[in-house]
Amino acid sequence: MALHIIEHNDGLEVSGNLTFDNMGFLKRTIEHKMSQNEFFTVSLDKLDSIDPQCAKTLERLFQKVVRENKALKIIGLENESIMPAMRATNTSYILCDDRV
């Protein structure tokens, strides 16, 4: 399944498969939104899969936002489809279990 991004007032809902090929688009979208907001939410609850490289890219993006004294809330801790890749890359700590 292709990557789908639905924009809400205070965040994004991402569904489909997050791969190396489409991670750049998601990263640019998040960076753009974070340049306009101090707080932003990204839900990965509906992702079917995530490449390990993408998990590391999300981690770097999360850390960058923290360094800028902003807040990026990444929801997806309860999504068992992405947890194996998140655990394997030691990036699951960036996820929270809140639901959108």
PDB file of N, CA and C in Angstrom:
ATOM      1  N   MET A   1       0.840  -1.179   0.000  1.00  0.00           N
ATOM      2  CA  MET A   1       0.000   0.000   0.000  1.00  0.00           C
ATOM      3  C   MET A   1       0.884   1.240   0.000  1.00  0.00           C
ATOM      4  N   ALA A   2       0.544   2.208  -0.795  1.00  0.00           N
ATOM      5  CA  ALA A   2       1.286   3.461  -0.873  1.00  0.00           C
ATOM      6  C   ALA A   2       1.125   4.247   0.423  1.00  0.00           C
ATOM      7  N   LEU A   3       1.967   5.218   0.607  1.00  0.00           N
ATOM      8  CA  LEU A   3       1.896   6.074   1.782  1.00  0.00           C
ATOM      9  C   LEU A   3       0.801   7.118   1.578  1.00  0.00           C
ATOM     10  N   HIS A   4      -0.024   7.290   2.609  1.00  0.00           N
ATOM     11  CA  HIS A   4      -1.079   8.296   2.593  1.00  0.00           C
ATOM     12  C   HIS A   4      -0.901   9.186   3.809  1.00  0.00           C
ATOM     13  N   ILE A   5      -0.988  10.488   3.591  1.00  0.00           N
ATOM     14  CA  ILE A   5      -0.867  11.444   4.683  1.00  0.00           C
ATOM     15  C   ILE A   5      -2.119  12.303   4.689  1.00  0.00           C
ATOM     16  N   ILE A   6      -2.811  12.278   5.813  1.00  0.00           N
ATOM     17  CA  ILE A   6      -4.004  13.099   5.989  1.00  0.00           C
ATOM     18  C   ILE A   6      -3.657  14.184   7.000  1.00  0.00           C
ATOM     19  N   GLU A   7      -3.887  15.424   6.606  1.00  0.00           N
ATOM     20  CA  GLU A   7      -3.565  16.547   7.469  1.00  0.00           C
ATOM     21  C   GLU A   7      -4.783  16.953   8.288  1.00  0.00           C
ATOM     22  N   HIS A   8      -4.554  17.113   9.584  1.00  0.00           N
ATOM     23  CA  HIS A   8      -5.565  17.635  10.497  1.00  0.00           C
ATOM     24  C   HIS A   8      -5.058  18.980  11.001  1.00  0.00           C
ATOM     25  N   ASN A   9      -5.874  19.681  11.744  1.00  0.00           N
ATOM     26  CA  ASN A   9      -5.479  21.002  12.242  1.00  0.00           C
ATOM     27  C   ASN A   9      -4.177  20.969  13.033  1.00  0.00           C
ATOM     28  N   ASP A  10      -4.037  19.982  13.889  1.00  0.00           N
ATOM     29  CA  ASP A  10      -2.884  19.941  14.779  1.00  0.00           C
ATOM     30  C   ASP A  10      -1.942  18.775  14.500  1.00  0.00           C
ATOM     31  N   GLY A  11      -2.077  18.140  13.343  1.00  0.00           N
ATOM     32  CA  GLY A  11      -1.182  17.031  13.082  1.00  0.00           C
ATOM     33  C   GLY A  11      -1.430  16.313  11.771  1.00  0.00           C
ATOM     34  N   LEU A  12      -0.701  15.215  11.637  1.00  0.00           N
ATOM     35  CA  LEU A  12      -0.790  14.367  10.451  1.00  0.00           C
ATOM     36  C   LEU A  12      -1.153  12.949  10.868  1.00  0.00           C
ATOM     37  N   GLU A  13      -1.898  12.278  10.006  1.00  0.00           N
ATOM     38  CA  GLU A  13      -2.189  10.861  10.180  1.00  0.00           C
ATOM     39  C   GLU A  13      -1.571  10.138   8.981  1.00  0.00           C
ATOM     40  N   VAL A  14      -0.657   9.225   9.258  1.00  0.00           N
ATOM     41  CA  VAL A  14       0.089   8.543   8.208  1.00  0.00           C
ATOM     42  C   VAL A  14      -0.385   7.096   8.129  1.00  0.00           C
ATOM     43  N   SER A  15      -0.669   6.629   6.920  1.00  0.00           N
ATOM     44  CA  SER A  15      -1.077   5.234   6.743  1.00  0.00           C
ATOM     45  C   SER A  15      -0.361   4.657   5.523  1.00  0.00           C
ATOM     46  N   GLY A  16      -0.372   3.340   5.441  1.00  0.00           N
ATOM     47  CA  GLY A  16       0.296   2.654   4.336  1.00  0.00           C
ATOM     48  C   GLY A  16       1.637   2.112   4.753  1.00  0.00           C
ATOM     49  N   ASN A  17       2.602   2.123   3.840  1.00  0.00           N
ATOM     50  CA  ASN A  17       3.941   1.604   4.094  1.00  0.00           C
ATOM     51  C   ASN A  17       4.952   2.745   4.022  1.00  0.00           C
ATOM     52  N   LEU A  18       5.710   2.919   5.089  1.00  0.00           N
ATOM     53  CA  LEU A  18       6.734   3.956   5.125  1.00  0.00           C
ATOM     54  C   LEU A  18       8.057   3.329   4.712  1.00  0.00           C
ATOM     55  N   THR A  19       8.543   3.740   3.542  1.00  0.00           N
ATOM     56  CA  THR A  19       9.747   3.158   2.961  1.00  0.00           C
ATOM     57  C   THR A  19      10.789   4.241   2.700  1.00  0.00           C
ATOM     58  N   PHE A  20      11.983   3.801   2.346  1.00  0.00           N
ATOM     59  CA  PHE A  20      13.052   4.725   1.990  1.00  0.00           C
ATOM     60  C   PHE A  20      12.606   5.664   0.869  1.00  0.00           C
ATOM     61  N   ASP A  21      11.835   5.148  -0.070  1.00  0.00           N
ATOM     62  CA  ASP A  21      11.403   5.930  -1.230  1.00  0.00           C
ATOM     63  C   ASP A  21      10.441   7.068  -0.890  1.00  0.00           C
ATOM     64  N   ASN A  22       9.627   6.898   0.149  1.00  0.00           N
ATOM     65  CA  ASN A  22       8.657   7.951   0.467  1.00  0.00           C
ATOM     66  C   ASN A  22       8.952   8.674   1.787  1.00  0.00           C
ATOM     67  N   MET A  23       9.999   8.268   2.484  1.00  0.00           N
ATOM     68  CA  MET A  23      10.337   8.903   3.762  1.00  0.00           C
ATOM     69  C   MET A  23      10.702  10.367   3.577  1.00  0.00           C
ATOM     70  N   GLY A  24      11.374  10.695   2.491  1.00  0.00           N
ATOM     71  CA  GLY A  24      11.768  12.085   2.247  1.00  0.00           C
ATOM     72  C   GLY A  24      10.574  13.018   2.202  1.00  0.00           C
ATOM     73  N   PHE A  25       9.500  12.581   1.576  1.00  0.00           N
ATOM     74  CA  PHE A  25       8.291  13.400   1.503  1.00  0.00           C
ATOM     75  C   PHE A  25       7.708  13.627   2.892  1.00  0.00           C
ATOM     76  N   LEU A  26       7.620  12.560   3.695  1.00  0.00           N
ATOM     77  CA  LEU A  26       7.086  12.697   5.048  1.00  0.00           C
ATOM     78  C   LEU A  26       7.987  13.606   5.883  1.00  0.00           C
ATOM     79  N   LYS A  27       9.284  13.424   5.772  1.00  0.00           N
ATOM     80  CA  LYS A  27      10.229  14.237   6.536  1.00  0.00           C
ATOM     81  C   LYS A  27      10.075  15.714   6.188  1.00  0.00           C
ATOM     82  N   ARG A  28      10.021  16.032   4.906  1.00  0.00           N
ATOM     83  CA  ARG A  28       9.851  17.427   4.490  1.00  0.00           C
ATOM     84  C   ARG A  28       8.517  18.003   4.988  1.00  0.00           C
ATOM     85  N   THR A  29       7.478  17.189   4.950  1.00  0.00           N
ATOM     86  CA  THR A  29       6.167  17.636   5.425  1.00  0.00           C
ATOM     87  C   THR A  29       6.220  17.959   6.913  1.00  0.00           C
ATOM     88  N   ILE A  30       6.824  17.085   7.696  1.00  0.00           N
ATOM     89  CA  ILE A  30       6.936  17.321   9.137  1.00  0.00           C
ATOM     90  C   ILE A  30       7.801  18.548   9.409  1.00  0.00           C
ATOM     91  N   GLU A  31       8.923  18.666   8.722  1.00  0.00           N
ATOM     92  CA  GLU A  31       9.797  19.824   8.922  1.00  0.00           C
ATOM     93  C   GLU A  31       9.076  21.128   8.596  1.00  0.00           C
ATOM     94  N   HIS A  32       8.299  21.119   7.530  1.00  0.00           N
ATOM     95  CA  HIS A  32       7.531  22.314   7.159  1.00  0.00           C
ATOM     96  C   HIS A  32       6.528  22.669   8.250  1.00  0.00           C
ATOM     97  N   LYS A  33       5.807  21.680   8.735  1.00  0.00           N
ATOM     98  CA  LYS A  33       4.810  21.922   9.788  1.00  0.00           C
ATOM     99  C   LYS A  33       5.478  22.394  11.076  1.00  0.00           C
ATOM    100  N   MET A  34       6.632  21.825  11.403  1.00  0.00           N
ATOM    101  CA  MET A  34       7.328  22.218  12.628  1.00  0.00           C
ATOM    102  C   MET A  34       7.900  23.624  12.510  1.00  0.00           C
ATOM    103  N   SER A  35       8.177  24.087  11.307  1.00  0.00           N
ATOM    104  CA  SER A  35       8.666  25.457  11.143  1.00  0.00           C
ATOM    105  C   SER A  35       7.556  26.472  11.431  1.00  0.00           C
ATOM    106  N   GLN A  36       6.316  26.020  11.380  1.00  0.00           N
ATOM    107  CA  GLN A  36       5.171  26.896  11.616  1.00  0.00           C
ATOM    108  C   GLN A  36       4.547  26.717  12.989  1.00  0.00           C
ATOM    109  N   ASN A  37       4.934  25.657  13.714  1.00  0.00           N
ATOM    110  CA  ASN A  37       4.293  25.315  14.983  1.00  0.00           C
ATOM    111  C   ASN A  37       5.329  24.969  16.043  1.00  0.00           C
ATOM    112  N   GLU A  38       4.976  25.220  17.300  1.00  0.00           N
ATOM    113  CA  GLU A  38       5.823  24.818  18.426  1.00  0.00           C
ATOM    114  C   GLU A  38       5.523  23.383  18.846  1.00  0.00           C
ATOM    115  N   PHE A  39       4.326  22.919  18.527  1.00  0.00           N
ATOM    116  CA  PHE A  39       3.888  21.573  18.905  1.00  0.00           C
ATOM    117  C   PHE A  39       3.159  20.968  17.714  1.00  0.00           C
ATOM    118  N   PHE A  40       3.449  19.709  17.445  1.00  0.00           N
ATOM    119  CA  PHE A  40       2.817  19.042  16.319  1.00  0.00           C
ATOM    120  C   PHE A  40       2.702  17.553  16.619  1.00  0.00           C
ATOM    121  N   THR A  41       1.656  16.914  16.104  1.00  0.00           N
ATOM    122  CA  THR A  41       1.418  15.493  16.328  1.00  0.00           C
ATOM    123  C   THR A  41       1.445  14.742  15.003  1.00  0.00           C
ATOM    124  N   VAL A  42       2.100  13.596  15.008  1.00  0.00           N
ATOM    125  CA  VAL A  42       2.111  12.696  13.856  1.00  0.00           C
ATOM    126  C   VAL A  42       1.645  11.335  14.345  1.00  0.00           C
ATOM    127  N   SER A  43       0.585  10.824  13.759  1.00  0.00           N
ATOM    128  CA  SER A  43       0.074   9.511  14.128  1.00  0.00           C
ATOM    129  C   SER A  43       0.545   8.454  13.135  1.00  0.00           C
ATOM    130  N   LEU A  44       1.205   7.426  13.670  1.00  0.00           N
ATOM    131  CA  LEU A  44       1.627   6.275  12.874  1.00  0.00           C
ATOM    132  C   LEU A  44       0.749   5.065  13.175  1.00  0.00           C
ATOM    133  N   ASP A  45      -0.361   5.289  13.830  1.00  0.00           N
ATOM    134  CA  ASP A  45      -1.256   4.191  14.220  1.00  0.00           C
ATOM    135  C   ASP A  45      -1.739   3.350  13.051  1.00  0.00           C
ATOM    136  N   LYS A  46      -1.867   3.960  11.883  1.00  0.00           N
ATOM    137  CA  LYS A  46      -2.425   3.240  10.745  1.00  0.00           C
ATOM    138  C   LYS A  46      -1.370   2.774   9.738  1.00  0.00           C
ATOM    139  N   LEU A  47      -0.097   2.892  10.106  1.00  0.00           N
ATOM    140  CA  LEU A  47       0.955   2.390   9.212  1.00  0.00           C
ATOM    141  C   LEU A  47       0.900   0.870   9.155  1.00  0.00           C
ATOM    142  N   ASP A  48       1.091   0.319   7.968  1.00  0.00           N
ATOM    143  CA  ASP A  48       1.153  -1.132   7.800  1.00  0.00           C
ATOM    144  C   ASP A  48       2.559  -1.654   8.008  1.00  0.00           C
ATOM    145  N   SER A  49       3.565  -0.815   7.697  1.00  0.00           N
ATOM    146  CA  SER A  49       4.958  -1.216   7.895  1.00  0.00           C
ATOM    147  C   SER A  49       5.849   0.018   7.879  1.00  0.00           C
ATOM    148  N   ILE A  50       7.052  -0.159   8.423  1.00  0.00           N
ATOM    149  CA  ILE A  50       8.055   0.905   8.414  1.00  0.00           C
ATOM    150  C   ILE A  50       9.421   0.267   8.218  1.00  0.00           C
ATOM    151  N   ASP A  51      10.203   0.815   7.320  1.00  0.00           N
ATOM    152  CA  ASP A  51      11.573   0.348   7.123  1.00  0.00           C
ATOM    153  C   ASP A  51      12.422   0.783   8.312  1.00  0.00           C
ATOM    154  N   PRO A  52      13.397  -0.029   8.711  1.00  0.00           N
ATOM    155  CA  PRO A  52      14.288   0.378   9.801  1.00  0.00           C
ATOM    156  C   PRO A  52      14.977   1.720   9.538  1.00  0.00           C
ATOM    157  N   GLN A  53      15.357   1.992   8.297  1.00  0.00           N
ATOM    158  CA  GLN A  53      15.976   3.281   7.970  1.00  0.00           C
ATOM    159  C   GLN A  53      15.027   4.439   8.280  1.00  0.00           C
ATOM    160  N   CYS A  54      13.762   4.240   8.038  1.00  0.00           N
ATOM    161  CA  CYS A  54      12.765   5.277   8.297  1.00  0.00           C
ATOM    162  C   CYS A  54      12.604   5.513   9.799  1.00  0.00           C
ATOM    163  N   ALA A  55      12.683   4.439  10.569  1.00  0.00           N
ATOM    164  CA  ALA A  55      12.606   4.574  12.020  1.00  0.00           C
ATOM    165  C   ALA A  55      13.756   5.447  12.521  1.00  0.00           C
ATOM    166  N   LYS A  56      14.962   5.230  11.995  1.00  0.00           N
ATOM    167  CA  LYS A  56      16.122   6.033  12.387  1.00  0.00           C
ATOM    168  C   LYS A  56      15.970   7.478  11.916  1.00  0.00           C
ATOM    169  N   THR A  57      15.395   7.686  10.734  1.00  0.00           N
ATOM    170  CA  THR A  57      15.168   9.043  10.240  1.00  0.00           C
ATOM    171  C   THR A  57      14.172   9.775  11.128  1.00  0.00           C
ATOM    172  N   LEU A  58      13.112   9.083  11.551  1.00  0.00           N
ATOM    173  CA  LEU A  58      12.146   9.688  12.473  1.00  0.00           C
ATOM    174  C   LEU A  58      12.819  10.039  13.798  1.00  0.00           C
ATOM    175  N   GLU A  59      13.700   9.184  14.268  1.00  0.00           N
ATOM    176  CA  GLU A  59      14.409   9.461  15.514  1.00  0.00           C
ATOM    177  C   GLU A  59      15.255  10.730  15.379  1.00  0.00           C
ATOM    178  N   ARG A  60      16.009  10.839  14.291  1.00  0.00           N
ATOM    179  CA  ARG A  60      16.833  12.034  14.076  1.00  0.00           C
ATOM    180  C   ARG A  60      15.964  13.295  13.982  1.00  0.00           C
ATOM    181  N   LEU A  61      14.836  13.182  13.323  1.00  0.00           N
ATOM    182  CA  LEU A  61      13.912  14.306  13.210  1.00  0.00           C
ATOM    183  C   LEU A  61      13.361  14.686  14.582  1.00  0.00           C
ATOM    184  N   PHE A  62      12.988  13.690  15.369  1.00  0.00           N
ATOM    185  CA  PHE A  62      12.497  13.902  16.728  1.00  0.00           C
ATOM    186  C   PHE A  62      13.551  14.629  17.567  1.00  0.00           C
ATOM    187  N   GLN A  63      14.792  14.164  17.485  1.00  0.00           N
ATOM    188  CA  GLN A  63      15.877  14.775  18.258  1.00  0.00           C
ATOM    189  C   GLN A  63      16.137  16.214  17.818  1.00  0.00           C
ATOM    190  N   LYS A  64      16.047  16.471  16.527  1.00  0.00           N
ATOM    191  CA  LYS A  64      16.231  17.828  15.994  1.00  0.00           C
ATOM    192  C   LYS A  64      15.168  18.772  16.548  1.00  0.00           C
ATOM    193  N   VAL A  65      13.936  18.303  16.577  1.00  0.00           N
ATOM    194  CA  VAL A  65      12.831  19.116  17.087  1.00  0.00           C
ATOM    195  C   VAL A  65      13.059  19.427  18.568  1.00  0.00           C
ATOM    196  N   VAL A  66      13.508  18.443  19.328  1.00  0.00           N
ATOM    197  CA  VAL A  66      13.779  18.653  20.753  1.00  0.00           C
ATOM    198  C   VAL A  66      14.878  19.701  20.936  1.00  0.00           C
ATOM    199  N   ARG A  67      15.932  19.617  20.128  1.00  0.00           N
ATOM    200  CA  ARG A  67      17.022  20.599  20.212  1.00  0.00           C
ATOM    201  C   ARG A  67      16.530  22.023  19.925  1.00  0.00           C
ATOM    202  N   GLU A  68      15.481  22.142  19.128  1.00  0.00           N
ATOM    203  CA  GLU A  68      14.900  23.447  18.798  1.00  0.00           C
ATOM    204  C   GLU A  68      13.864  23.901  19.829  1.00  0.00           C
ATOM    205  N   ASN A  69      13.773  23.155  20.946  1.00  0.00           N
ATOM    206  CA  ASN A  69      12.824  23.460  22.023  1.00  0.00           C
ATOM    207  C   ASN A  69      11.379  23.465  21.554  1.00  0.00           C
ATOM    208  N   LYS A  70      11.073  22.551  20.653  1.00  0.00           N
ATOM    209  CA  LYS A  70       9.715  22.354  20.184  1.00  0.00           C
ATOM    210  C   LYS A  70       9.283  20.947  20.586  1.00  0.00           C
ATOM    211  N   ALA A  71       8.039  20.612  20.329  1.00  0.00           N
ATOM    212  CA  ALA A  71       7.524  19.303  20.719  1.00  0.00           C
ATOM    213  C   ALA A  71       6.894  18.593  19.529  1.00  0.00           C
ATOM    214  N   LEU A  72       7.383  17.397  19.268  1.00  0.00           N
ATOM    215  CA  LEU A  72       6.818  16.538  18.229  1.00  0.00           C
ATOM    216  C   LEU A  72       6.312  15.288  18.913  1.00  0.00           C
ATOM    217  N   LYS A  73       5.024  15.092  18.870  1.00  0.00           N
ATOM    218  CA  LYS A  73       4.393  13.929  19.487  1.00  0.00           C
ATOM    219  C   LYS A  73       4.148  12.905  18.390  1.00  0.00           C
ATOM    220  N   ILE A  74       4.805  11.754  18.488  1.00  0.00           N
ATOM    221  CA  ILE A  74       4.641  10.694  17.491  1.00  0.00           C
ATOM    222  C   ILE A  74       3.849   9.564  18.131  1.00  0.00           C
ATOM    223  N   ILE A  75       2.642   9.362  17.643  1.00  0.00           N
ATOM    224  CA  ILE A  75       1.743   8.347  18.186  1.00  0.00           C
ATOM    225  C   ILE A  75       1.921   7.062  17.387  1.00  0.00           C
ATOM    226  N   GLY A  76       1.990   5.935  18.084  1.00  0.00           N
ATOM    227  CA  GLY A  76       2.125   4.672  17.373  1.00  0.00           C
ATOM    228  C   GLY A  76       2.610   3.532  18.230  1.00  0.00           C
ATOM    229  N   LEU A  77       2.727   3.756  19.521  1.00  0.00           N
ATOM    230  CA  LEU A  77       3.258   2.729  20.423  1.00  0.00           C
ATOM    231  C   LEU A  77       2.419   1.459  20.414  1.00  0.00           C
ATOM    232  N   GLU A  78       1.146   1.575  20.118  1.00  0.00           N
ATOM    233  CA  GLU A  78       0.268   0.403  20.118  1.00  0.00           C
ATOM    234  C   GLU A  78       0.140  -0.251  18.744  1.00  0.00           C
ATOM    235  N   ASN A  79       0.849   0.258  17.751  1.00  0.00           N
ATOM    236  CA  ASN A  79       0.792  -0.308  16.401  1.00  0.00           C
ATOM    237  C   ASN A  79       1.798  -1.453  16.290  1.00  0.00           C
ATOM    238  N   GLU A  80       1.322  -2.667  16.391  1.00  0.00           N
ATOM    239  CA  GLU A  80       2.192  -3.851  16.357  1.00  0.00           C
ATOM    240  C   GLU A  80       2.829  -4.084  14.985  1.00  0.00           C
ATOM    241  N   SER A  81       2.333  -3.428  13.957  1.00  0.00           N
ATOM    242  CA  SER A  81       2.912  -3.578  12.621  1.00  0.00           C
ATOM    243  C   SER A  81       4.271  -2.888  12.502  1.00  0.00           C
ATOM    244  N   ILE A  82       4.477  -1.847  13.281  1.00  0.00           N
ATOM    245  CA  ILE A  82       5.735  -1.108  13.187  1.00  0.00           C
ATOM    246  C   ILE A  82       6.684  -1.395  14.341  1.00  0.00           C
ATOM    247  N   MET A  83       6.189  -2.005  15.400  1.00  0.00           N
ATOM    248  CA  MET A  83       7.017  -2.188  16.592  1.00  0.00           C
ATOM    249  C   MET A  83       8.256  -3.061  16.373  1.00  0.00           C
ATOM    250  N   PRO A  84       8.223  -4.113  15.557  1.00  0.00           N
ATOM    251  CA  PRO A  84       9.463  -4.880  15.367  1.00  0.00           C
ATOM    252  C   PRO A  84      10.611  -4.018  14.823  1.00  0.00           C
ATOM    253  N   ALA A  85      10.335  -3.175  13.854  1.00  0.00           N
ATOM    254  CA  ALA A  85      11.380  -2.304  13.296  1.00  0.00           C
ATOM    255  C   ALA A  85      11.798  -1.241  14.308  1.00  0.00           C
ATOM    256  N   MET A  86      10.848  -0.718  15.054  1.00  0.00           N
ATOM    257  CA  MET A  86      11.167   0.304  16.047  1.00  0.00           C
ATOM    258  C   MET A  86      12.027  -0.283  17.171  1.00  0.00           C
ATOM    259  N   ARG A  87      11.696  -1.479  17.606  1.00  0.00           N
ATOM    260  CA  ARG A  87      12.489  -2.122  18.664  1.00  0.00           C
ATOM    261  C   ARG A  87      13.876  -2.504  18.155  1.00  0.00           C
ATOM    262  N   ALA A  88      13.950  -3.019  16.937  1.00  0.00           N
ATOM    263  CA  ALA A  88      15.230  -3.458  16.370  1.00  0.00           C
ATOM    264  C   ALA A  88      16.199  -2.285  16.216  1.00  0.00           C
ATOM    265  N   THR A  89      15.672  -1.092  15.997  1.00  0.00           N
ATOM    266  CA  THR A  89      16.518   0.092  15.812  1.00  0.00           C
ATOM    267  C   THR A  89      16.616   0.936  17.087  1.00  0.00           C
ATOM    268  N   ASN A  90      16.048   0.433  18.175  1.00  0.00           N
ATOM    269  CA  ASN A  90      16.051   1.157  19.457  1.00  0.00           C
ATOM    270  C   ASN A  90      15.460   2.552  19.340  1.00  0.00           C
ATOM    271  N   THR A  91      14.398   2.655  18.578  1.00  0.00           N
ATOM    272  CA  THR A  91      13.755   3.958  18.378  1.00  0.00           C
ATOM    273  C   THR A  91      12.333   4.014  18.939  1.00  0.00           C
ATOM    274  N   SER A  92      11.890   2.970  19.581  1.00  0.00           N
ATOM    275  CA  SER A  92      10.505   2.954  20.071  1.00  0.00           C
ATOM    276  C   SER A  92      10.260   4.006  21.149  1.00  0.00           C
ATOM    277  N   TYR A  93      11.332   4.516  21.773  1.00  0.00           N
ATOM    278  CA  TYR A  93      11.162   5.534  22.818  1.00  0.00           C
ATOM    279  C   TYR A  93      10.557   6.840  22.282  1.00  0.00           C
ATOM    280  N   ILE A  94      10.610   7.068  20.969  1.00  0.00           N
ATOM    281  CA  ILE A  94      10.056   8.313  20.420  1.00  0.00           C
ATOM    282  C   ILE A  94       8.533   8.241  20.282  1.00  0.00           C
ATOM    283  N   LEU A  95       7.983   7.047  20.443  1.00  0.00           N
ATOM    284  CA  LEU A  95       6.543   6.846  20.276  1.00  0.00           C
ATOM    285  C   LEU A  95       5.799   7.016  21.588  1.00  0.00           C
ATOM    286  N   CYS A  96       4.591   7.551  21.510  1.00  0.00           N
ATOM    287  CA  CYS A  96       3.720   7.594  22.674  1.00  0.00           C
ATOM    288  C   CYS A  96       2.454   6.795  22.348  1.00  0.00           C
ATOM    289  N   ASP A  97       1.716   6.444  23.376  1.00  0.00           N
ATOM    290  CA  ASP A  97       0.572   5.563  23.172  1.00  0.00           C
ATOM    291  C   ASP A  97      -0.760   6.296  23.084  1.00  0.00           C
ATOM    292  N   ASP A  98      -0.751   7.601  23.054  1.00  0.00           N
ATOM    293  CA  ASP A  98      -2.002   8.361  22.901  1.00  0.00           C
ATOM    294  C   ASP A  98      -2.630   8.030  21.562  1.00  0.00           C
ATOM    295  N   ARG A  99      -3.927   8.136  21.507  1.00  0.00           N
ATOM    296  CA  ARG A  99      -4.664   7.922  20.262  1.00  0.00           C
ATOM    297  C   ARG A  99      -5.183   9.245  19.748  1.00  0.00           C
ATOM    298  N   VAL A 100      -5.311   9.352  18.438  1.00  0.00           N
ATOM    299  CA  VAL A 100      -5.847  10.572  17.831  1.00  0.00           C
ATOM    300  C   VAL A 100      -7.342  10.429  17.711  1.00  0.00           C
TER     301      VAL A 100
END
